[in-house]
Amino acid sequence: MTRSVTGELKEDPDVIVQKLYKMAQKHDVEFQGDSATGFAKGKGFHVEYKVEGTMCTLTVTKKPMLIPWALVESQLEKLFNNG
């Protein structure tokens, strides 16, 4: 089962990708991608992203069983709403 959330990016995708690479290294998470598509995986999660214009869709394809979907979705939405 997968879940997706779409929102508007507050920064240029290239800037966001650079930040994601640094964060992934710091937290021992695998991150691959560019300003259009990519994924991050680690700590039981696998999240894919796709950027179209200023909109980005995040899709969680794997999560730890003990973490409820409602929590995952609310945290993903915060990425767009609190930017």
PDB file of N, CA and C in Angstrom:
ATOM      1  N   MET A   1       0.840  -1.174   0.000  1.00  0.00           N
ATOM      2  CA  MET A   1       0.000   0.000   0.000  1.00  0.00           C
ATOM      3  C   MET A   1       0.892   1.246   0.000  1.00  0.00           C
ATOM      4  N   THR A   2       0.535   2.227  -0.796  1.00  0.00           N
ATOM      5  CA  THR A   2       1.282   3.476  -0.846  1.00  0.00           C
ATOM      6  C   THR A   2       0.354   4.647  -0.540  1.00  0.00           C
ATOM      7  N   ARG A   3       0.959   5.743  -0.143  1.00  0.00           N
ATOM      8  CA  ARG A   3       0.204   6.979   0.098  1.00  0.00           C
ATOM      9  C   ARG A   3       0.995   8.125  -0.508  1.00  0.00           C
ATOM     10  N   SER A   4       0.273   9.096  -1.068  1.00  0.00           N
ATOM     11  CA  SER A   4       0.921  10.252  -1.694  1.00  0.00           C
ATOM     12  C   SER A   4       0.339  11.548  -1.165  1.00  0.00           C
ATOM     13  N   VAL A   5       1.166  12.573  -1.216  1.00  0.00           N
ATOM     14  CA  VAL A   5       0.729  13.917  -0.873  1.00  0.00           C
ATOM     15  C   VAL A   5       1.407  14.865  -1.864  1.00  0.00           C
ATOM     16  N   THR A   6       0.660  15.887  -2.306  1.00  0.00           N
ATOM     17  CA  THR A   6       1.186  16.846  -3.278  1.00  0.00           C
ATOM     18  C   THR A   6       1.085  18.242  -2.693  1.00  0.00           C
ATOM     19  N   GLY A   7       2.115  19.025  -2.936  1.00  0.00           N
ATOM     20  CA  GLY A   7       2.111  20.392  -2.449  1.00  0.00           C
ATOM     21  C   GLY A   7       3.033  21.270  -3.267  1.00  0.00           C
ATOM     22  N   GLU A   8       2.945  22.563  -2.999  1.00  0.00           N
ATOM     23  CA  GLU A   8       3.752  23.535  -3.726  1.00  0.00           C
ATOM     24  C   GLU A   8       5.097  23.723  -3.039  1.00  0.00           C
ATOM     25  N   LEU A   9       6.157  23.757  -3.838  1.00  0.00           N
ATOM     26  CA  LEU A   9       7.500  23.961  -3.306  1.00  0.00           C
ATOM     27  C   LEU A   9       7.715  25.436  -2.997  1.00  0.00           C
ATOM     28  N   LYS A  10       8.369  25.706  -1.882  1.00  0.00           N
ATOM     29  CA  LYS A  10       8.637  27.085  -1.458  1.00  0.00           C
ATOM     30  C   LYS A  10       9.989  27.586  -1.959  1.00  0.00           C
ATOM     31  N   GLU A  11      10.818  26.661  -2.450  1.00  0.00           N
ATOM     32  CA  GLU A  11      12.149  27.000  -2.950  1.00  0.00           C
ATOM     33  C   GLU A  11      12.362  26.329  -4.294  1.00  0.00           C
ATOM     34  N   ASP A  12      13.396  26.764  -4.982  1.00  0.00           N
ATOM     35  CA  ASP A  12      13.782  26.154  -6.252  1.00  0.00           C
ATOM     36  C   ASP A  12      14.130  24.682  -6.013  1.00  0.00           C
ATOM     37  N   PRO A  13      13.659  23.774  -6.879  1.00  0.00           N
ATOM     38  CA  PRO A  13      13.938  22.343  -6.684  1.00  0.00           C
ATOM     39  C   PRO A  13      15.428  22.014  -6.572  1.00  0.00           C
ATOM     40  N   ASP A  14      16.281  22.706  -7.314  1.00  0.00           N
ATOM     41  CA  ASP A  14      17.722  22.440  -7.226  1.00  0.00           C
ATOM     42  C   ASP A  14      18.262  22.728  -5.826  1.00  0.00           C
ATOM     43  N   VAL A  15      17.779  23.794  -5.202  1.00  0.00           N
ATOM     44  CA  VAL A  15      18.199  24.150  -3.844  1.00  0.00           C
ATOM     45  C   VAL A  15      17.727  23.080  -2.866  1.00  0.00           C
ATOM     46  N   ILE A  16      16.499  22.635  -3.020  1.00  0.00           N
ATOM     47  CA  ILE A  16      15.946  21.607  -2.136  1.00  0.00           C
ATOM     48  C   ILE A  16      16.726  20.305  -2.255  1.00  0.00           C
ATOM     49  N   VAL A  17      17.063  19.906  -3.482  1.00  0.00           N
ATOM     50  CA  VAL A  17      17.808  18.660  -3.696  1.00  0.00           C
ATOM     51  C   VAL A  17      19.173  18.728  -3.005  1.00  0.00           C
ATOM     52  N   GLN A  18      19.853  19.859  -3.099  1.00  0.00           N
ATOM     53  CA  GLN A  18      21.149  20.001  -2.421  1.00  0.00           C
ATOM     54  C   GLN A  18      21.006  19.843  -0.910  1.00  0.00           C
ATOM     55  N   LYS A  19      19.962  20.432  -0.342  1.00  0.00           N
ATOM     56  CA  LYS A  19      19.704  20.291   1.095  1.00  0.00           C
ATOM     57  C   LYS A  19      19.406  18.841   1.455  1.00  0.00           C
ATOM     58  N   LEU A  20      18.627  18.162   0.593  1.00  0.00           N
ATOM     59  CA  LEU A  20      18.279  16.764   0.857  1.00  0.00           C
ATOM     60  C   LEU A  20      19.507  15.863   0.843  1.00  0.00           C
ATOM     61  N   TYR A  21      20.428  16.094  -0.092  1.00  0.00           N
ATOM     62  CA  TYR A  21      21.655  15.299  -0.136  1.00  0.00           C
ATOM     63  C   TYR A  21      22.435  15.449   1.167  1.00  0.00           C
ATOM     64  N   LYS A  22      22.555  16.681   1.666  1.00  0.00           N
ATOM     65  CA  LYS A  22      23.290  16.913   2.913  1.00  0.00           C
ATOM     66  C   LYS A  22      22.592  16.260   4.099  1.00  0.00           C
ATOM     67  N   MET A  23      21.269  16.404   4.177  1.00  0.00           N
ATOM     68  CA  MET A  23      20.519  15.803   5.274  1.00  0.00           C
ATOM     69  C   MET A  23      20.605  14.286   5.236  1.00  0.00           C
ATOM     70  N   ALA A  24      20.536  13.711   4.041  1.00  0.00           N
ATOM     71  CA  ALA A  24      20.591  12.254   3.905  1.00  0.00           C
ATOM     72  C   ALA A  24      21.928  11.717   4.407  1.00  0.00           C
ATOM     73  N   GLN A  25      23.012  12.381   4.041  1.00  0.00           N
ATOM     74  CA  GLN A  25      24.328  11.945   4.511  1.00  0.00           C
ATOM     75  C   GLN A  25      24.420  12.028   6.029  1.00  0.00           C
ATOM     76  N   LYS A  26      23.918  13.105   6.582  1.00  0.00           N
ATOM     77  CA  LYS A  26      23.983  13.318   8.024  1.00  0.00           C
ATOM     78  C   LYS A  26      23.195  12.256   8.794  1.00  0.00           C
ATOM     79  N   HIS A  27      22.067  11.803   8.229  1.00  0.00           N
ATOM     80  CA  HIS A  27      21.181  10.866   8.921  1.00  0.00           C
ATOM     81  C   HIS A  27      21.275   9.435   8.399  1.00  0.00           C
ATOM     82  N   ASP A  28      22.300   9.149   7.602  1.00  0.00           N
ATOM     83  CA  ASP A  28      22.526   7.794   7.086  1.00  0.00           C
ATOM     84  C   ASP A  28      21.323   7.259   6.315  1.00  0.00           C
ATOM     85  N   VAL A  29      20.823   8.081   5.390  1.00  0.00           N
ATOM     86  CA  VAL A  29      19.696   7.721   4.533  1.00  0.00           C
ATOM     87  C   VAL A  29      20.177   7.791   3.087  1.00  0.00           C
ATOM     88  N   GLU A  30      19.818   6.807   2.289  1.00  0.00           N
ATOM     89  CA  GLU A  30      20.182   6.828   0.875  1.00  0.00           C
ATOM     90  C   GLU A  30      19.262   7.797   0.135  1.00  0.00           C
ATOM     91  N   PHE A  31      19.871   8.696  -0.638  1.00  0.00           N
ATOM     92  CA  PHE A  31      19.098   9.651  -1.432  1.00  0.00           C
ATOM     93  C   PHE A  31      19.675   9.689  -2.828  1.00  0.00           C
ATOM     94  N   GLN A  32      18.798   9.528  -3.825  1.00  0.00           N
ATOM     95  CA  GLN A  32      19.199   9.633  -5.228  1.00  0.00           C
ATOM     96  C   GLN A  32      18.148  10.433  -5.953  1.00  0.00           C
ATOM     97  N   GLY A  33      18.595  11.355  -6.787  1.00  0.00           N
ATOM     98  CA  GLY A  33      17.629  12.106  -7.561  1.00  0.00           C
ATOM     99  C   GLY A  33      18.169  13.425  -8.055  1.00  0.00           C
ATOM    100  N   ASP A  34      17.295  14.130  -8.735  1.00  0.00           N
ATOM    101  CA  ASP A  34      17.625  15.446  -9.258  1.00  0.00           C
ATOM    102  C   ASP A  34      16.431  16.366  -9.022  1.00  0.00           C
ATOM    103  N   SER A  35      16.369  17.472  -9.727  1.00  0.00           N
ATOM    104  CA  SER A  35      15.294  18.435  -9.482  1.00  0.00           C
ATOM    105  C   SER A  35      13.954  17.995 -10.073  1.00  0.00           C
ATOM    106  N   ALA A  36      13.892  16.819 -10.701  1.00  0.00           N
ATOM    107  CA  ALA A  36      12.640  16.330 -11.290  1.00  0.00           C
ATOM    108  C   ALA A  36      12.085  15.087 -10.598  1.00  0.00           C
ATOM    109  N   THR A  37      12.944  14.105 -10.331  1.00  0.00           N
ATOM    110  CA  THR A  37      12.498  12.855  -9.701  1.00  0.00           C
ATOM    111  C   THR A  37      13.604  12.278  -8.837  1.00  0.00           C
ATOM    112  N   GLY A  38      13.190  11.402  -7.926  1.00  0.00           N
ATOM    113  CA  GLY A  38      14.184  10.726  -7.105  1.00  0.00           C
ATOM    114  C   GLY A  38      13.527   9.982  -5.961  1.00  0.00           C
ATOM    115  N   PHE A  39      14.384   9.514  -5.024  1.00  0.00           N
ATOM    116  CA  PHE A  39      13.865   8.783  -3.873  1.00  0.00           C
ATOM    117  C   PHE A  39      14.827   8.900  -2.700  1.00  0.00           C
ATOM    118  N   ALA A  40      14.284   8.611  -1.534  1.00  0.00           N
ATOM    119  CA  ALA A  40      15.075   8.492  -0.308  1.00  0.00           C
ATOM    120  C   ALA A  40      14.625   7.207   0.373  1.00  0.00           C
ATOM    121  N   LYS A  41      15.593   6.469   0.921  1.00  0.00           N
ATOM    122  CA  LYS A  41      15.223   5.264   1.659  1.00  0.00           C
ATOM    123  C   LYS A  41      16.186   5.044   2.805  1.00  0.00           C
ATOM    124  N   GLY A  42      15.597   4.586   3.873  1.00  0.00           N
ATOM    125  CA  GLY A  42      16.366   4.303   5.072  1.00  0.00           C
ATOM    126  C   GLY A  42      15.465   4.335   6.280  1.00  0.00           C
ATOM    127  N   LYS A  43      15.917   3.727   7.373  1.00  0.00           N
ATOM    128  CA  LYS A  43      15.173   3.701   8.632  1.00  0.00           C
ATOM    129  C   LYS A  43      13.769   3.121   8.454  1.00  0.00           C
ATOM    130  N   GLY A  44      13.624   2.192   7.500  1.00  0.00           N
ATOM    131  CA  GLY A  44      12.347   1.528   7.281  1.00  0.00           C
ATOM    132  C   GLY A  44      11.427   2.220   6.297  1.00  0.00           C
ATOM    133  N   PHE A  45      11.858   3.370   5.769  1.00  0.00           N
ATOM    134  CA  PHE A  45      11.030   4.131   4.835  1.00  0.00           C
ATOM    135  C   PHE A  45      11.605   4.101   3.428  1.00  0.00           C
ATOM    136  N   HIS A  46      10.716   4.219   2.450  1.00  0.00           N
ATOM    137  CA  HIS A  46      11.099   4.460   1.058  1.00  0.00           C
ATOM    138  C   HIS A  46      10.109   5.486   0.528  1.00  0.00           C
ATOM    139  N   VAL A  47      10.632   6.651   0.133  1.00  0.00           N
ATOM    140  CA  VAL A  47       9.801   7.751  -0.337  1.00  0.00           C
ATOM    141  C   VAL A  47      10.300   8.195  -1.702  1.00  0.00           C
ATOM    142  N   GLU A  48       9.395   8.270  -2.664  1.00  0.00           N
ATOM    143  CA  GLU A  48       9.727   8.747  -4.000  1.00  0.00           C
ATOM    144  C   GLU A  48       9.137  10.135  -4.191  1.00  0.00           C
ATOM    145  N   TYR A  49       9.775  10.933  -5.055  1.00  0.00           N
ATOM    146  CA  TYR A  49       9.230  12.255  -5.343  1.00  0.00           C
ATOM    147  C   TYR A  49       9.259  12.547  -6.835  1.00  0.00           C
ATOM    148  N   LYS A  50       8.326  13.403  -7.238  1.00  0.00           N
ATOM    149  CA  LYS A  50       8.251  13.849  -8.631  1.00  0.00           C
ATOM    150  C   LYS A  50       7.861  15.327  -8.614  1.00  0.00           C
ATOM    151  N   VAL A  51       8.633  16.145  -9.323  1.00  0.00           N
ATOM    152  CA  VAL A  51       8.396  17.580  -9.382  1.00  0.00           C
ATOM    153  C   VAL A  51       7.896  17.949 -10.769  1.00  0.00           C
ATOM    154  N   GLU A  52       6.806  18.715 -10.791  1.00  0.00           N
ATOM    155  CA  GLU A  52       6.267  19.248 -12.043  1.00  0.00           C
ATOM    156  C   GLU A  52       5.993  20.726 -11.827  1.00  0.00           C
ATOM    157  N   GLY A  53       6.836  21.577 -12.402  1.00  0.00           N
ATOM    158  CA  GLY A  53       6.710  23.012 -12.175  1.00  0.00           C
ATOM    159  C   GLY A  53       7.052  23.323 -10.733  1.00  0.00           C
ATOM    160  N   THR A  54       6.123  23.951 -10.012  1.00  0.00           N
ATOM    161  CA  THR A  54       6.352  24.258  -8.592  1.00  0.00           C
ATOM    162  C   THR A  54       5.669  23.251  -7.673  1.00  0.00           C
ATOM    163  N   MET A  55       5.056  22.223  -8.258  1.00  0.00           N
ATOM    164  CA  MET A  55       4.358  21.208  -7.466  1.00  0.00           C
ATOM    165  C   MET A  55       5.221  19.953  -7.316  1.00  0.00           C
ATOM    166  N   CYS A  56       5.148  19.353  -6.139  1.00  0.00           N
ATOM    167  CA  CYS A  56       5.901  18.133  -5.868  1.00  0.00           C
ATOM    168  C   CYS A  56       4.964  17.095  -5.257  1.00  0.00           C
ATOM    169  N   THR A  57       5.065  15.874  -5.751  1.00  0.00           N
ATOM    170  CA  THR A  57       4.307  14.756  -5.186  1.00  0.00           C
ATOM    171  C   THR A  57       5.285  13.826  -4.483  1.00  0.00           C
ATOM    172  N   LEU A  58       5.012  13.558  -3.206  1.00  0.00           N
ATOM    173  CA  LEU A  58       5.791  12.617  -2.408  1.00  0.00           C
ATOM    174  C   LEU A  58       4.955  11.357  -2.243  1.00  0.00           C
ATOM    175  N   THR A  59       5.551  10.207  -2.535  1.00  0.00           N
ATOM    176  CA  THR A  59       4.845   8.938  -2.413  1.00  0.00           C
ATOM    177  C   THR A  59       5.632   8.013  -1.500  1.00  0.00           C
ATOM    178  N   VAL A  60       5.011   7.599  -0.421  1.00  0.00           N
ATOM    179  CA  VAL A  60       5.624   6.649   0.499  1.00  0.00           C
ATOM    180  C   VAL A  60       5.272   5.254   0.005  1.00  0.00           C
ATOM    181  N   THR A  61       6.290   4.491  -0.361  1.00  0.00           N
ATOM    182  CA  THR A  61       6.060   3.137  -0.872  1.00  0.00           C
ATOM    183  C   THR A  61       6.362   2.070   0.178  1.00  0.00           C
ATOM    184  N   LYS A  62       7.037   2.480   1.275  1.00  0.00           N
ATOM    185  CA  LYS A  62       7.330   1.541   2.360  1.00  0.00           C
ATOM    186  C   LYS A  62       7.488   2.355   3.644  1.00  0.00           C
ATOM    187  N   LYS A  63       6.972   1.805   4.747  1.00  0.00           N
ATOM    188  CA  LYS A  63       7.102   2.444   6.052  1.00  0.00           C
ATOM    189  C   LYS A  63       7.152   1.358   7.120  1.00  0.00           C
ATOM    190  N   PRO A  64       7.681   1.698   8.292  1.00  0.00           N
ATOM    191  CA  PRO A  64       7.660   0.715   9.387  1.00  0.00           C
ATOM    192  C   PRO A  64       6.219   0.384   9.773  1.00  0.00           C
ATOM    193  N   MET A  65       5.972  -0.850  10.067  1.00  0.00           N
ATOM    194  CA  MET A  65       4.621  -1.323  10.362  1.00  0.00           C
ATOM    195  C   MET A  65       3.990  -0.632  11.575  1.00  0.00           C
ATOM    196  N   LEU A  66       4.799  -0.270  12.552  1.00  0.00           N
ATOM    197  CA  LEU A  66       4.275   0.316  13.785  1.00  0.00           C
ATOM    198  C   LEU A  66       3.894   1.795  13.653  1.00  0.00           C
ATOM    199  N   ILE A  67       4.273   2.429  12.564  1.00  0.00           N
ATOM    200  CA  ILE A  67       3.956   3.846  12.375  1.00  0.00           C
ATOM    201  C   ILE A  67       2.686   3.950  11.535  1.00  0.00           C
ATOM    202  N   PRO A  68       1.632   4.593  12.084  1.00  0.00           N
ATOM    203  CA  PRO A  68       0.362   4.676  11.355  1.00  0.00           C
ATOM    204  C   PRO A  68       0.432   5.614  10.142  1.00  0.00           C
ATOM    205  N   TRP A  69      -0.351   5.296   9.121  1.00  0.00           N
ATOM    206  CA  TRP A  69      -0.395   6.112   7.913  1.00  0.00           C
ATOM    207  C   TRP A  69      -0.801   7.546   8.216  1.00  0.00           C
ATOM    208  N   ALA A  70      -1.707   7.752   9.149  1.00  0.00           N
ATOM    209  CA  ALA A  70      -2.159   9.109   9.480  1.00  0.00           C
ATOM    210  C   ALA A  70      -0.978   9.973   9.927  1.00  0.00           C
ATOM    211  N   LEU A  71      -0.072   9.409  10.699  1.00  0.00           N
ATOM    212  CA  LEU A  71       1.104  10.150  11.152  1.00  0.00           C
ATOM    213  C   LEU A  71       2.033  10.458   9.977  1.00  0.00           C
ATOM    214  N   VAL A  72       2.254   9.483   9.130  1.00  0.00           N
ATOM    215  CA  VAL A  72       3.115   9.684   7.958  1.00  0.00           C
ATOM    216  C   VAL A  72       2.556  10.804   7.075  1.00  0.00           C
ATOM    217  N   GLU A  73       1.263  10.748   6.770  1.00  0.00           N
ATOM    218  CA  GLU A  73       0.649  11.755   5.902  1.00  0.00           C
ATOM    219  C   GLU A  73       0.696  13.147   6.527  1.00  0.00           C
ATOM    220  N   SER A  74       0.457  13.251   7.818  1.00  0.00           N
ATOM    221  CA  SER A  74       0.478  14.570   8.464  1.00  0.00           C
ATOM    222  C   SER A  74       1.884  15.169   8.445  1.00  0.00           C
ATOM    223  N   GLN A  75       2.897  14.324   8.612  1.00  0.00           N
ATOM    224  CA  GLN A  75       4.264  14.828   8.574  1.00  0.00           C
ATOM    225  C   GLN A  75       4.665  15.260   7.164  1.00  0.00           C
ATOM    226  N   LEU A  76       4.208  14.531   6.157  1.00  0.00           N
ATOM    227  CA  LEU A  76       4.505  14.924   4.778  1.00  0.00           C
ATOM    228  C   LEU A  76       3.831  16.254   4.426  1.00  0.00           C
ATOM    229  N   GLU A  77       2.604  16.433   4.864  1.00  0.00           N
ATOM    230  CA  GLU A  77       1.899  17.686   4.589  1.00  0.00           C
ATOM    231  C   GLU A  77       2.573  18.873   5.261  1.00  0.00           C
ATOM    232  N   LYS A  78       3.176  18.660   6.417  1.00  0.00           N
ATOM    233  CA  LYS A  78       3.901  19.731   7.117  1.00  0.00           C
ATOM    234  C   LYS A  78       5.069  20.244   6.279  1.00  0.00           C
ATOM    235  N   LEU A  79       5.652  19.375   5.472  1.00  0.00           N
ATOM    236  CA  LEU A  79       6.756  19.807   4.620  1.00  0.00           C
ATOM    237  C   LEU A  79       6.340  20.930   3.679  1.00  0.00           C
ATOM    238  N   PHE A  80       5.110  20.877   3.213  1.00  0.00           N
ATOM    239  CA  PHE A  80       4.628  21.900   2.283  1.00  0.00           C
ATOM    240  C   PHE A  80       3.996  23.084   3.011  1.00  0.00           C
ATOM    241  N   ASN A  81       3.339  22.843   4.121  1.00  0.00           N
ATOM    242  CA  ASN A  81       2.589  23.887   4.805  1.00  0.00           C
ATOM    243  C   ASN A  81       3.412  24.744   5.754  1.00  0.00           C
ATOM    244  N   ASN A  82       4.536  24.227   6.215  1.00  0.00           N
ATOM    245  CA  ASN A  82       5.348  24.981   7.174  1.00  0.00           C
ATOM    246  C   ASN A  82       6.635  25.512   6.559  1.00  0.00           C
ATOM    247  N   GLY A  83       6.745  25.417   5.227  1.00  0.00           N
ATOM    248  CA  GLY A  83       7.976  25.862   4.568  1.00  0.00           C
ATOM    249  C   GLY A  83       8.120  27.304   4.676  1.00  0.00           C
TER     250      GLY A  83
END
